[in-house]
Every structure is written in structure tokens, then in C-alpha cells.
C-alpha atoms as a PDB file:
ATOM      1  CA  MET A   1     252.036  83.131 -30.847  1.00  0.00           C
ATOM      2  CA  CYS A   2     253.996  86.054 -32.116  1.00  0.00           C
ATOM      3  CA  PRO A   3     255.818  86.105 -35.456  1.00  0.00           C
ATOM      4  CA  GLY A   4     259.417  85.085 -35.016  1.00  0.00           C
ATOM      5  CA  CYS A   5     258.753  83.010 -31.906  1.00  0.00           C
ATOM      6  CA  PRO A   6     260.762  79.774 -32.117  1.00  0.00           C
ATOM      7  CA  THR A   7     257.702  77.753 -31.063  1.00  0.00           C
ATOM      8  CA  GLU A   8     255.445  79.173 -33.783  1.00  0.00           C
ATOM      9  CA  ALA A   9     256.151  76.153 -35.991  1.00  0.00           C
ATOM     10  CA  PHE A  10     254.197  74.042 -33.507  1.00  0.00           C
ATOM     11  CA  HIS A  11     251.039  76.189 -33.408  1.00  0.00           C
ATOM     12  CA  THR A  12     248.100  75.355 -35.639  1.00  0.00           C
ATOM     13  CA  LEU A  13     245.452  77.716 -36.981  1.00  0.00           C
ATOM     14  CA  THR A  14     243.112  76.173 -34.413  1.00  0.00           C
ATOM     15  CA  ASP A  15     245.569  77.179 -31.663  1.00  0.00           C
ATOM     16  CA  ILE A  16     245.726  80.724 -33.011  1.00  0.00           C
ATOM     17  CA  ALA A  17     241.952  81.057 -33.261  1.00  0.00           C
ATOM     18  CA  ARG A  18     241.556  79.804 -29.704  1.00  0.00           C
ATOM     19  CA  GLU A  19     244.311  82.076 -28.338  1.00  0.00           C
ATOM     20  CA  TYR A  20     242.829  85.198 -29.938  1.00  0.00           C
ATOM     21  CA  ASN A  21     239.154  84.219 -29.478  1.00  0.00           C
ATOM     22  CA  LEU A  22     238.525  84.054 -33.221  1.00  0.00           C
ATOM     23  CA  ASP A  23     236.013  81.924 -35.058  1.00  0.00           C
ATOM     24  CA  LEU A  24     238.132  79.366 -36.931  1.00  0.00           C
ATOM     25  CA  SER A  25     235.846  79.122 -39.956  1.00  0.00           C
ATOM     26  CA  GLN A  26     235.754  82.912 -40.314  1.00  0.00           C
ATOM     27  CA  LEU A  27     239.536  83.087 -39.976  1.00  0.00           C
ATOM     28  CA  LEU A  28     239.960  80.458 -42.700  1.00  0.00           C
ATOM     29  CA  HIS A  29     237.450  82.218 -44.950  1.00  0.00           C
ATOM     30  CA  ARG A  30     239.250  85.552 -44.574  1.00  0.00           C
ATOM     31  CA  MET A  31     242.652  83.973 -45.230  1.00  0.00           C
ATOM     32  CA  ASP A  32     241.301  82.227 -48.327  1.00  0.00           C
ATOM     33  CA  LYS A  33     239.892  85.533 -49.593  1.00  0.00           C
ATOM     34  CA  VAL A  34     243.240  87.291 -49.165  1.00  0.00           C
ATOM     35  CA  ILE A  35     245.016  84.485 -51.011  1.00  0.00           C
ATOM     36  CA  ARG A  36     242.484  84.528 -53.865  1.00  0.00           C
ATOM     37  CA  ASP A  37     242.647  88.323 -54.148  1.00  0.00           C
ATOM     38  CA  LYS A  38     246.468  88.205 -54.402  1.00  0.00           C
ATOM     39  CA  LYS A  39     246.616  85.673 -57.231  1.00  0.00           C
ATOM     40  CA  ALA A  40     247.887  86.932 -60.547  1.00  0.00           C
ATOM     41  CA  PRO A  41     245.263  87.151 -63.332  1.00  0.00           C
END
């Protein structure tokens, strides 16, 4: 599940959370926060 891997297009966020032992809801929350913080005013 590394960037640039040709199979990355087939991995879901659920797959990534499971692979790296992350809580999916926390991962989604953190991603949402980064996206919101990057939006232009």
C-alpha cells in the first residue's frame, strides 16, 4: 500500500486502515480536517 504501487488503485481506505492498524473513523476524521483546513477562505 505504498504510493506509486500499481495496485494502489484497488485499495480502499478500509484496506489501508486495516493494514496499518488504524481506526477508520479516526482516519476519516483526520483526513476531513486536513481538507477543511486547506480550503481557500
